[in-house]
mmCIF file of all heavy atoms, coordinates in Angstrom:
data_MODEL
# 
_entry.id   MODEL 
# 
loop_
_atom_site.group_PDB 
_atom_site.id 
_atom_site.type_symbol 
_atom_site.label_atom_id 
_atom_site.label_alt_id 
_atom_site.label_comp_id 
_atom_site.label_asym_id 
_atom_site.label_entity_id 
_atom_site.label_seq_id 
_atom_site.pdbx_PDB_ins_code 
_atom_site.Cartn_x 
_atom_site.Cartn_y 
_atom_site.Cartn_z 
_atom_site.occupancy 
_atom_site.B_iso_or_equiv 
_atom_site.pdbx_formal_charge 
_atom_site.auth_seq_id 
_atom_site.auth_comp_id 
_atom_site.auth_asym_id 
_atom_site.auth_atom_id 
_atom_site.pdbx_PDB_model_num 
ATOM 1   N N   . PRO A 1 1  ? 5.200  -67.219 -1.834 1.00 0.00 ? 1  PRO A N   1 
ATOM 2   C CA  . PRO A 1 1  ? 4.326  -67.176 -0.587 1.00 0.00 ? 1  PRO A CA  1 
ATOM 3   C C   . PRO A 1 1  ? 3.673  -68.471 -0.239 1.00 0.00 ? 1  PRO A C   1 
ATOM 4   O O   . PRO A 1 1  ? 3.680  -68.902 0.894  1.00 0.00 ? 1  PRO A O   1 
ATOM 5   C CB  . PRO A 1 1  ? 3.223  -66.117 -1.087 1.00 0.00 ? 1  PRO A CB  1 
ATOM 6   C CG  . PRO A 1 1  ? 3.933  -65.220 -2.015 1.00 0.00 ? 1  PRO A CG  1 
ATOM 7   C CD  . PRO A 1 1  ? 4.725  -66.227 -2.710 1.00 0.00 ? 1  PRO A CD  1 
ATOM 8   N N   . VAL A 1 2  ? 3.102  -69.257 -1.225 1.00 0.00 ? 2  VAL A N   1 
ATOM 9   C CA  . VAL A 1 2  ? 2.479  -70.409 -0.987 1.00 0.00 ? 2  VAL A CA  1 
ATOM 10  C C   . VAL A 1 2  ? 3.453  -71.546 -0.547 1.00 0.00 ? 2  VAL A C   1 
ATOM 11  O O   . VAL A 1 2  ? 3.222  -72.236 0.491  1.00 0.00 ? 2  VAL A O   1 
ATOM 12  C CB  . VAL A 1 2  ? 1.743  -70.960 -2.267 1.00 0.00 ? 2  VAL A CB  1 
ATOM 13  C CG1 . VAL A 1 2  ? 1.236  -72.362 -2.032 1.00 0.00 ? 2  VAL A CG1 1 
ATOM 14  C CG2 . VAL A 1 2  ? 0.631  -70.104 -2.564 1.00 0.00 ? 2  VAL A CG2 1 
ATOM 15  N N   . ALA A 1 3  ? 4.648  -71.471 -1.124 1.00 0.00 ? 3  ALA A N   1 
ATOM 16  C CA  . ALA A 1 3  ? 5.617  -72.526 -0.644 1.00 0.00 ? 3  ALA A CA  1 
ATOM 17  C C   . ALA A 1 3  ? 6.039  -72.260 0.759  1.00 0.00 ? 3  ALA A C   1 
ATOM 18  O O   . ALA A 1 3  ? 6.232  -73.201 1.559  1.00 0.00 ? 3  ALA A O   1 
ATOM 19  C CB  . ALA A 1 3  ? 6.769  -72.396 -1.580 1.00 0.00 ? 3  ALA A CB  1 
ATOM 20  N N   . LEU A 1 4  ? 6.266  -71.059 1.089  1.00 0.00 ? 4  LEU A N   1 
ATOM 21  C CA  . LEU A 1 4  ? 6.709  -70.604 2.581  1.00 0.00 ? 4  LEU A CA  1 
ATOM 22  C C   . LEU A 1 4  ? 5.520  -71.003 3.534  1.00 0.00 ? 4  LEU A C   1 
ATOM 23  O O   . LEU A 1 4  ? 5.815  -71.522 4.627  1.00 0.00 ? 4  LEU A O   1 
ATOM 24  C CB  . LEU A 1 4  ? 7.049  -69.195 2.547  1.00 0.00 ? 4  LEU A CB  1 
ATOM 25  C CG  . LEU A 1 4  ? 8.335  -68.734 1.938  1.00 0.00 ? 4  LEU A CG  1 
ATOM 26  C CD1 . LEU A 1 4  ? 8.369  -67.209 1.888  1.00 0.00 ? 4  LEU A CD1 1 
ATOM 27  C CD2 . LEU A 1 4  ? 9.575  -69.397 2.612  1.00 0.00 ? 4  LEU A CD2 1 
ATOM 28  N N   . ARG A 1 5  ? 4.319  -70.736 3.087  1.00 0.00 ? 5  ARG A N   1 
ATOM 29  C CA  . ARG A 1 5  ? 3.153  -71.113 3.942  1.00 0.00 ? 5  ARG A CA  1 
ATOM 30  C C   . ARG A 1 5  ? 3.107  -72.564 4.086  1.00 0.00 ? 5  ARG A C   1 
ATOM 31  O O   . ARG A 1 5  ? 2.927  -73.113 5.295  1.00 0.00 ? 5  ARG A O   1 
ATOM 32  C CB  . ARG A 1 5  ? 1.944  -70.587 3.393  1.00 0.00 ? 5  ARG A CB  1 
ATOM 33  C CG  . ARG A 1 5  ? 0.592  -70.890 4.140  1.00 0.00 ? 5  ARG A CG  1 
ATOM 34  C CD  . ARG A 1 5  ? -0.650 -71.067 3.303  1.00 0.00 ? 5  ARG A CD  1 
ATOM 35  N NE  . ARG A 1 5  ? -0.575 -71.990 2.291  1.00 0.00 ? 5  ARG A NE  1 
ATOM 36  C CZ  . ARG A 1 5  ? -1.368 -72.059 1.171  1.00 0.00 ? 5  ARG A CZ  1 
ATOM 37  N NH1 . ARG A 1 5  ? -2.254 -71.214 1.074  1.00 0.00 ? 5  ARG A NH1 1 
ATOM 38  N NH2 . ARG A 1 5  ? -1.223 -73.090 0.381  1.00 0.00 ? 5  ARG A NH2 1 
ATOM 39  N N   . ASP A 1 6  ? 3.270  -73.287 3.113  1.00 0.00 ? 6  ASP A N   1 
ATOM 40  C CA  . ASP A 1 6  ? 3.166  -74.764 3.222  1.00 0.00 ? 6  ASP A CA  1 
ATOM 41  C C   . ASP A 1 6  ? 4.251  -75.506 4.076  1.00 0.00 ? 6  ASP A C   1 
ATOM 42  O O   . ASP A 1 6  ? 3.862  -76.274 4.758  1.00 0.00 ? 6  ASP A O   1 
ATOM 43  C CB  . ASP A 1 6  ? 3.171  -75.419 1.746  1.00 0.00 ? 6  ASP A CB  1 
ATOM 44  C CG  . ASP A 1 6  ? 2.101  -75.019 0.883  1.00 0.00 ? 6  ASP A CG  1 
ATOM 45  O OD1 . ASP A 1 6  ? 1.114  -74.481 1.476  1.00 0.00 ? 6  ASP A OD1 1 
ATOM 46  O OD2 . ASP A 1 6  ? 2.060  -75.375 -0.201 1.00 0.00 ? 6  ASP A OD2 1 
ATOM 47  N N   . ARG A 1 7  ? 5.403  -74.890 3.948  1.00 0.00 ? 7  ARG A N   1 
ATOM 48  C CA  . ARG A 1 7  ? 6.607  -75.346 4.863  1.00 0.00 ? 7  ARG A CA  1 
ATOM 49  C C   . ARG A 1 7  ? 6.134  -75.122 6.268  1.00 0.00 ? 7  ARG A C   1 
ATOM 50  O O   . ARG A 1 7  ? 6.497  -76.018 7.101  1.00 0.00 ? 7  ARG A O   1 
ATOM 51  C CB  . ARG A 1 7  ? 7.912  -74.857 4.396  1.00 0.00 ? 7  ARG A CB  1 
ATOM 52  C CG  . ARG A 1 7  ? 8.999  -75.144 5.196  1.00 0.00 ? 7  ARG A CG  1 
ATOM 53  C CD  . ARG A 1 7  ? 9.362  -76.566 5.234  1.00 0.00 ? 7  ARG A CD  1 
ATOM 54  N NE  . ARG A 1 7  ? 10.399 -76.938 6.170  1.00 0.00 ? 7  ARG A NE  1 
ATOM 55  C CZ  . ARG A 1 7  ? 11.705 -77.190 5.873  1.00 0.00 ? 7  ARG A CZ  1 
ATOM 56  N NH1 . ARG A 1 7  ? 11.937 -77.090 4.547  1.00 0.00 ? 7  ARG A NH1 1 
ATOM 57  N NH2 . ARG A 1 7  ? 12.603 -77.579 6.752  1.00 0.00 ? 7  ARG A NH2 1 
ATOM 58  N N   . ALA A 1 8  ? 5.667  -73.880 6.517  1.00 0.00 ? 8  ALA A N   1 
ATOM 59  C CA  . ALA A 1 8  ? 5.383  -73.456 7.855  1.00 0.00 ? 8  ALA A CA  1 
ATOM 60  C C   . ALA A 1 8  ? 4.336  -74.415 8.465  1.00 0.00 ? 8  ALA A C   1 
ATOM 61  O O   . ALA A 1 8  ? 4.328  -74.863 9.644  1.00 0.00 ? 8  ALA A O   1 
ATOM 62  C CB  . ALA A 1 8  ? 5.130  -72.067 7.871  1.00 0.00 ? 8  ALA A CB  1 
ATOM 63  N N   . LEU A 1 9  ? 3.299  -74.715 7.695  1.00 0.00 ? 9  LEU A N   1 
ATOM 64  C CA  . LEU A 1 9  ? 2.132  -75.466 7.966  1.00 0.00 ? 9  LEU A CA  1 
ATOM 65  C C   . LEU A 1 9  ? 2.630  -76.833 8.483  1.00 0.00 ? 9  LEU A C   1 
ATOM 66  O O   . LEU A 1 9  ? 2.216  -77.410 9.376  1.00 0.00 ? 9  LEU A O   1 
ATOM 67  C CB  . LEU A 1 9  ? 1.100  -75.507 6.917  1.00 0.00 ? 9  LEU A CB  1 
ATOM 68  C CG  . LEU A 1 9  ? -0.033 -76.501 7.143  1.00 0.00 ? 9  LEU A CG  1 
ATOM 69  C CD1 . LEU A 1 9  ? -0.941 -76.003 8.388  1.00 0.00 ? 9  LEU A CD1 1 
ATOM 70  C CD2 . LEU A 1 9  ? -0.839 -76.588 5.855  1.00 0.00 ? 9  LEU A CD2 1 
ATOM 71  N N   . LEU A 1 10 ? 3.458  -77.533 7.577  1.00 0.00 ? 10 LEU A N   1 
ATOM 72  C CA  . LEU A 1 10 ? 3.870  -78.904 7.763  1.00 0.00 ? 10 LEU A CA  1 
ATOM 73  C C   . LEU A 1 10 ? 4.828  -78.929 9.094  1.00 0.00 ? 10 LEU A C   1 
ATOM 74  O O   . LEU A 1 10 ? 4.709  -79.873 9.904  1.00 0.00 ? 10 LEU A O   1 
ATOM 75  C CB  . LEU A 1 10 ? 4.655  -79.476 6.639  1.00 0.00 ? 10 LEU A CB  1 
ATOM 76  C CG  . LEU A 1 10 ? 3.772  -79.604 5.343  1.00 0.00 ? 10 LEU A CG  1 
ATOM 77  C CD1 . LEU A 1 10 ? 4.605  -80.139 4.243  1.00 0.00 ? 10 LEU A CD1 1 
ATOM 78  C CD2 . LEU A 1 10 ? 2.587  -80.434 5.567  1.00 0.00 ? 10 LEU A CD2 1 
ATOM 79  N N   . GLU A 1 11 ? 5.594  -77.968 9.228  1.00 0.00 ? 11 GLU A N   1 
ATOM 80  C CA  . GLU A 1 11 ? 6.560  -77.846 10.392 1.00 0.00 ? 11 GLU A CA  1 
ATOM 81  C C   . GLU A 1 11 ? 5.672  -77.775 11.647 1.00 0.00 ? 11 GLU A C   1 
ATOM 82  O O   . GLU A 1 11 ? 6.015  -78.405 12.715 1.00 0.00 ? 11 GLU A O   1 
ATOM 83  C CB  . GLU A 1 11 ? 7.551  -76.758 10.330 1.00 0.00 ? 11 GLU A CB  1 
ATOM 84  C CG  . GLU A 1 11 ? 8.582  -76.835 9.342  1.00 0.00 ? 11 GLU A CG  1 
ATOM 85  C CD  . GLU A 1 11 ? 9.806  -77.661 9.753  1.00 0.00 ? 11 GLU A CD  1 
ATOM 86  O OE1 . GLU A 1 11 ? 9.642  -78.167 10.981 1.00 0.00 ? 11 GLU A OE1 1 
ATOM 87  O OE2 . GLU A 1 11 ? 10.813 -77.716 9.172  1.00 0.00 ? 11 GLU A OE2 1 
ATOM 88  N N   . VAL A 1 12 ? 4.616  -77.000 11.640 1.00 0.00 ? 12 VAL A N   1 
ATOM 89  C CA  . VAL A 1 12 ? 3.763  -76.806 12.863 1.00 0.00 ? 12 VAL A CA  1 
ATOM 90  C C   . VAL A 1 12 ? 3.058  -78.081 13.087 1.00 0.00 ? 12 VAL A C   1 
ATOM 91  O O   . VAL A 1 12 ? 2.901  -78.488 14.283 1.00 0.00 ? 12 VAL A O   1 
ATOM 92  C CB  . VAL A 1 12 ? 2.772  -75.642 12.642 1.00 0.00 ? 12 VAL A CB  1 
ATOM 93  C CG1 . VAL A 1 12 ? 1.709  -75.679 13.716 1.00 0.00 ? 12 VAL A CG1 1 
ATOM 94  C CG2 . VAL A 1 12 ? 3.463  -74.280 12.676 1.00 0.00 ? 12 VAL A CG2 1 
ATOM 95  N N   . LEU A 1 13 ? 2.496  -78.795 12.098 1.00 0.00 ? 13 LEU A N   1 
ATOM 96  C CA  . LEU A 1 13 ? 1.860  -80.056 12.315 1.00 0.00 ? 13 LEU A CA  1 
ATOM 97  C C   . LEU A 1 13 ? 2.779  -81.057 13.010 1.00 0.00 ? 13 LEU A C   1 
ATOM 98  O O   . LEU A 1 13 ? 2.261  -81.698 13.930 1.00 0.00 ? 13 LEU A O   1 
ATOM 99  C CB  . LEU A 1 13 ? 1.360  -80.511 10.905 1.00 0.00 ? 13 LEU A CB  1 
ATOM 100 C CG  . LEU A 1 13 ? 0.074  -79.824 10.360 1.00 0.00 ? 13 LEU A CG  1 
ATOM 101 C CD1 . LEU A 1 13 ? -0.058 -80.247 8.912  1.00 0.00 ? 13 LEU A CD1 1 
ATOM 102 C CD2 . LEU A 1 13 ? -1.140 -80.039 11.097 1.00 0.00 ? 13 LEU A CD2 1 
ATOM 103 N N   . TYR A 1 14 ? 3.874  -81.196 12.494 1.00 0.00 ? 14 TYR A N   1 
ATOM 104 C CA  . TYR A 1 14 ? 4.828  -82.220 13.048 1.00 0.00 ? 14 TYR A CA  1 
ATOM 105 C C   . TYR A 1 14 ? 5.309  -81.821 14.370 1.00 0.00 ? 14 TYR A C   1 
ATOM 106 O O   . TYR A 1 14 ? 5.606  -82.521 15.266 1.00 0.00 ? 14 TYR A O   1 
ATOM 107 C CB  . TYR A 1 14 ? 5.982  -82.531 12.067 1.00 0.00 ? 14 TYR A CB  1 
ATOM 108 C CG  . TYR A 1 14 ? 6.949  -83.487 12.634 1.00 0.00 ? 14 TYR A CG  1 
ATOM 109 C CD1 . TYR A 1 14 ? 6.540  -84.768 13.046 1.00 0.00 ? 14 TYR A CD1 1 
ATOM 110 C CD2 . TYR A 1 14 ? 8.265  -83.264 12.776 1.00 0.00 ? 14 TYR A CD2 1 
ATOM 111 C CE1 . TYR A 1 14 ? 7.427  -85.705 13.419 1.00 0.00 ? 14 TYR A CE1 1 
ATOM 112 C CE2 . TYR A 1 14 ? 9.207  -84.169 13.206 1.00 0.00 ? 14 TYR A CE2 1 
ATOM 113 C CZ  . TYR A 1 14 ? 8.796  -85.386 13.582 1.00 0.00 ? 14 TYR A CZ  1 
ATOM 114 O OH  . TYR A 1 14 ? 9.782  -86.280 13.977 1.00 0.00 ? 14 TYR A OH  1 
ATOM 115 N N   . SER A 1 15 ? 5.680  -80.402 14.592 1.00 0.00 ? 15 SER A N   1 
ATOM 116 C CA  . SER A 1 15 ? 6.214  -79.942 15.842 1.00 0.00 ? 15 SER A CA  1 
ATOM 117 C C   . SER A 1 15 ? 5.355  -79.944 16.986 1.00 0.00 ? 15 SER A C   1 
ATOM 118 O O   . SER A 1 15 ? 5.683  -80.167 18.104 1.00 0.00 ? 15 SER A O   1 
ATOM 119 C CB  . SER A 1 15 ? 6.784  -78.653 15.618 1.00 0.00 ? 15 SER A CB  1 
ATOM 120 O OG  . SER A 1 15 ? 7.403  -78.146 16.786 1.00 0.00 ? 15 SER A OG  1 
ATOM 121 N N   . THR A 1 16 ? 4.010  -79.906 16.673 1.00 0.00 ? 16 THR A N   1 
ATOM 122 C CA  . THR A 1 16 ? 2.976  -79.713 17.803 1.00 0.00 ? 16 THR A CA  1 
ATOM 123 C C   . THR A 1 16 ? 2.007  -80.998 17.970 1.00 0.00 ? 16 THR A C   1 
ATOM 124 O O   . THR A 1 16 ? 1.367  -80.951 18.945 1.00 0.00 ? 16 THR A O   1 
ATOM 125 C CB  . THR A 1 16 ? 2.176  -78.477 17.727 1.00 0.00 ? 16 THR A CB  1 
ATOM 126 O OG1 . THR A 1 16 ? 1.422  -78.580 16.413 1.00 0.00 ? 16 THR A OG1 1 
ATOM 127 C CG2 . THR A 1 16 ? 3.022  -77.298 17.547 1.00 0.00 ? 16 THR A CG2 1 
ATOM 128 N N   . GLY A 1 17 ? 2.050  -81.725 16.910 1.00 0.00 ? 17 GLY A N   1 
ATOM 129 C CA  . GLY A 1 17 ? 0.967  -82.884 17.054 1.00 0.00 ? 17 GLY A CA  1 
ATOM 130 C C   . GLY A 1 17 ? -0.396 -82.412 16.859 1.00 0.00 ? 17 GLY A C   1 
ATOM 131 O O   . GLY A 1 17 ? -1.323 -83.146 17.093 1.00 0.00 ? 17 GLY A O   1 
ATOM 132 N N   . ALA A 1 18 ? -0.677 -81.174 16.301 1.00 0.00 ? 18 ALA A N   1 
ATOM 133 C CA  . ALA A 1 18 ? -1.931 -80.717 16.051 1.00 0.00 ? 18 ALA A CA  1 
ATOM 134 C C   . ALA A 1 18 ? -2.693 -81.383 15.017 1.00 0.00 ? 18 ALA A C   1 
ATOM 135 O O   . ALA A 1 18 ? -2.211 -81.894 14.027 1.00 0.00 ? 18 ALA A O   1 
ATOM 136 C CB  . ALA A 1 18 ? -1.823 -79.160 15.601 1.00 0.00 ? 18 ALA A CB  1 
ATOM 137 N N   . ARG A 1 19 ? -4.018 -81.474 15.230 1.00 0.00 ? 19 ARG A N   1 
ATOM 138 C CA  . ARG A 1 19 ? -4.885 -81.912 14.150 1.00 0.00 ? 19 ARG A CA  1 
ATOM 139 C C   . ARG A 1 19 ? -4.925 -80.838 13.100 1.00 0.00 ? 19 ARG A C   1 
ATOM 140 O O   . ARG A 1 19 ? -4.613 -79.739 13.300 1.00 0.00 ? 19 ARG A O   1 
ATOM 141 C CB  . ARG A 1 19 ? -6.392 -82.008 14.662 1.00 0.00 ? 19 ARG A CB  1 
ATOM 142 C CG  . ARG A 1 19 ? -6.413 -83.113 15.808 1.00 0.00 ? 19 ARG A CG  1 
ATOM 143 C CD  . ARG A 1 19 ? -7.947 -83.225 16.426 1.00 0.00 ? 19 ARG A CD  1 
ATOM 144 N NE  . ARG A 1 19 ? -8.066 -84.036 17.476 1.00 0.00 ? 19 ARG A NE  1 
ATOM 145 C CZ  . ARG A 1 19 ? -7.852 -83.812 18.804 1.00 0.00 ? 19 ARG A CZ  1 
ATOM 146 N NH1 . ARG A 1 19 ? -7.619 -82.508 19.153 1.00 0.00 ? 19 ARG A NH1 1 
ATOM 147 N NH2 . ARG A 1 19 ? -8.077 -84.674 19.672 1.00 0.00 ? 19 ARG A NH2 1 
ATOM 148 N N   . ILE A 1 20 ? -5.172 -81.249 11.876 1.00 0.00 ? 20 ILE A N   1 
ATOM 149 C CA  . ILE A 1 20 ? -5.235 -80.297 10.746 1.00 0.00 ? 20 ILE A CA  1 
ATOM 150 C C   . ILE A 1 20 ? -6.207 -79.282 11.151 1.00 0.00 ? 20 ILE A C   1 
ATOM 151 O O   . ILE A 1 20 ? -5.954 -77.997 10.750 1.00 0.00 ? 20 ILE A O   1 
ATOM 152 C CB  . ILE A 1 20 ? -5.417 -81.040 9.374  1.00 0.00 ? 20 ILE A CB  1 
ATOM 153 C CG1 . ILE A 1 20 ? -4.243 -81.586 8.801  1.00 0.00 ? 20 ILE A CG1 1 
ATOM 154 C CG2 . ILE A 1 20 ? -6.152 -80.062 8.449  1.00 0.00 ? 20 ILE A CG2 1 
ATOM 155 C CD1 . ILE A 1 20 ? -4.341 -82.185 7.445  1.00 0.00 ? 20 ILE A CD1 1 
ATOM 156 N N   . SER A 1 21 ? -7.399 -79.635 11.567 1.00 0.00 ? 21 SER A N   1 
ATOM 157 C CA  . SER A 1 21 ? -8.386 -78.612 11.979 1.00 0.00 ? 21 SER A CA  1 
ATOM 158 C C   . SER A 1 21 ? -7.846 -77.622 12.944 1.00 0.00 ? 21 SER A C   1 
ATOM 159 O O   . SER A 1 21 ? -8.179 -76.415 12.934 1.00 0.00 ? 21 SER A O   1 
ATOM 160 C CB  . SER A 1 21 ? -9.681 -79.242 12.583 1.00 0.00 ? 21 SER A CB  1 
ATOM 161 O OG  . SER A 1 21 ? -9.338 -80.069 13.698 1.00 0.00 ? 21 SER A OG  1 
ATOM 162 N N   . GLU A 1 22 ? -7.004 -78.062 13.936 1.00 0.00 ? 22 GLU A N   1 
ATOM 163 C CA  . GLU A 1 22 ? -6.552 -77.166 14.859 1.00 0.00 ? 22 GLU A CA  1 
ATOM 164 C C   . GLU A 1 22 ? -5.391 -76.299 14.378 1.00 0.00 ? 22 GLU A C   1 
ATOM 165 O O   . GLU A 1 22 ? -5.409 -75.056 14.663 1.00 0.00 ? 22 GLU A O   1 
ATOM 166 C CB  . GLU A 1 22 ? -5.765 -77.948 16.057 1.00 0.00 ? 22 GLU A CB  1 
ATOM 167 C CG  . GLU A 1 22 ? -6.836 -78.784 16.891 1.00 0.00 ? 22 GLU A CG  1 
ATOM 168 C CD  . GLU A 1 22 ? -6.233 -79.732 17.821 1.00 0.00 ? 22 GLU A CD  1 
ATOM 169 O OE1 . GLU A 1 22 ? -5.043 -80.027 17.683 1.00 0.00 ? 22 GLU A OE1 1 
ATOM 170 O OE2 . GLU A 1 22 ? -6.926 -80.123 18.783 1.00 0.00 ? 22 GLU A OE2 1 
ATOM 171 N N   . ALA A 1 23 ? -4.621 -76.779 13.357 1.00 0.00 ? 23 ALA A N   1 
ATOM 172 C CA  . ALA A 1 23 ? -3.568 -75.940 12.759 1.00 0.00 ? 23 ALA A CA  1 
ATOM 173 C C   . ALA A 1 23 ? -4.130 -74.939 11.942 1.00 0.00 ? 23 ALA A C   1 
ATOM 174 O O   . ALA A 1 23 ? -3.762 -73.679 11.903 1.00 0.00 ? 23 ALA A O   1 
ATOM 175 C CB  . ALA A 1 23 ? -2.659 -76.764 11.876 1.00 0.00 ? 23 ALA A CB  1 
ATOM 176 N N   . VAL A 1 24 ? -5.303 -75.095 11.184 1.00 0.00 ? 24 VAL A N   1 
ATOM 177 C CA  . VAL A 1 24 ? -5.797 -74.122 10.283 1.00 0.00 ? 24 VAL A CA  1 
ATOM 178 C C   . VAL A 1 24 ? -6.675 -73.237 11.057 1.00 0.00 ? 24 VAL A C   1 
ATOM 179 O O   . VAL A 1 24 ? -7.047 -72.107 10.626 1.00 0.00 ? 24 VAL A O   1 
ATOM 180 C CB  . VAL A 1 24 ? -6.617 -74.794 9.125  1.00 0.00 ? 24 VAL A CB  1 
ATOM 181 C CG1 . VAL A 1 24 ? -5.721 -75.604 8.107  1.00 0.00 ? 24 VAL A CG1 1 
ATOM 182 C CG2 . VAL A 1 24 ? -7.817 -75.559 9.561  1.00 0.00 ? 24 VAL A CG2 1 
ATOM 183 N N   . GLY A 1 25 ? -6.997 -73.568 12.373 1.00 0.00 ? 25 GLY A N   1 
ATOM 184 C CA  . GLY A 1 25 ? -7.873 -72.661 13.147 1.00 0.00 ? 25 GLY A CA  1 
ATOM 185 C C   . GLY A 1 25 ? -6.934 -71.708 13.980 1.00 0.00 ? 25 GLY A C   1 
ATOM 186 O O   . GLY A 1 25 ? -7.591 -70.939 14.661 1.00 0.00 ? 25 GLY A O   1 
ATOM 187 N N   . LEU A 1 26 ? -5.689 -71.891 13.959 1.00 0.00 ? 26 LEU A N   1 
ATOM 188 C CA  . LEU A 1 26 ? -4.880 -70.901 14.610 1.00 0.00 ? 26 LEU A CA  1 
ATOM 189 C C   . LEU A 1 26 ? -4.964 -69.570 14.091 1.00 0.00 ? 26 LEU A C   1 
ATOM 190 O O   . LEU A 1 26 ? -4.971 -69.185 12.888 1.00 0.00 ? 26 LEU A O   1 
ATOM 191 C CB  . LEU A 1 26 ? -3.290 -71.419 14.451 1.00 0.00 ? 26 LEU A CB  1 
ATOM 192 C CG  . LEU A 1 26 ? -2.869 -72.670 15.179 1.00 0.00 ? 26 LEU A CG  1 
ATOM 193 C CD1 . LEU A 1 26 ? -1.483 -72.997 14.795 1.00 0.00 ? 26 LEU A CD1 1 
ATOM 194 C CD2 . LEU A 1 26 ? -2.881 -72.319 16.686 1.00 0.00 ? 26 LEU A CD2 1 
ATOM 195 N N   . ASP A 1 27 ? -4.906 -68.584 15.084 1.00 0.00 ? 27 ASP A N   1 
ATOM 196 C CA  . ASP A 1 27 ? -4.866 -67.174 14.744 1.00 0.00 ? 27 ASP A CA  1 
ATOM 197 C C   . ASP A 1 27 ? -3.311 -66.730 14.894 1.00 0.00 ? 27 ASP A C   1 
ATOM 198 O O   . ASP A 1 27 ? -2.645 -67.420 15.703 1.00 0.00 ? 27 ASP A O   1 
ATOM 199 C CB  . ASP A 1 27 ? -5.741 -66.399 15.501 1.00 0.00 ? 27 ASP A CB  1 
ATOM 200 C CG  . ASP A 1 27 ? -7.128 -66.494 15.132 1.00 0.00 ? 27 ASP A CG  1 
ATOM 201 O OD1 . ASP A 1 27 ? -7.409 -66.969 14.045 1.00 0.00 ? 27 ASP A OD1 1 
ATOM 202 O OD2 . ASP A 1 27 ? -8.105 -66.244 16.000 1.00 0.00 ? 27 ASP A OD2 1 
# 
């Protein structure tokens, strides 16, 4: 679970240019 979450998080950060605060703020 943690590995899949981490991969998704990094992919979203690079794909969208989101700030880390914006990424963790996603619902």
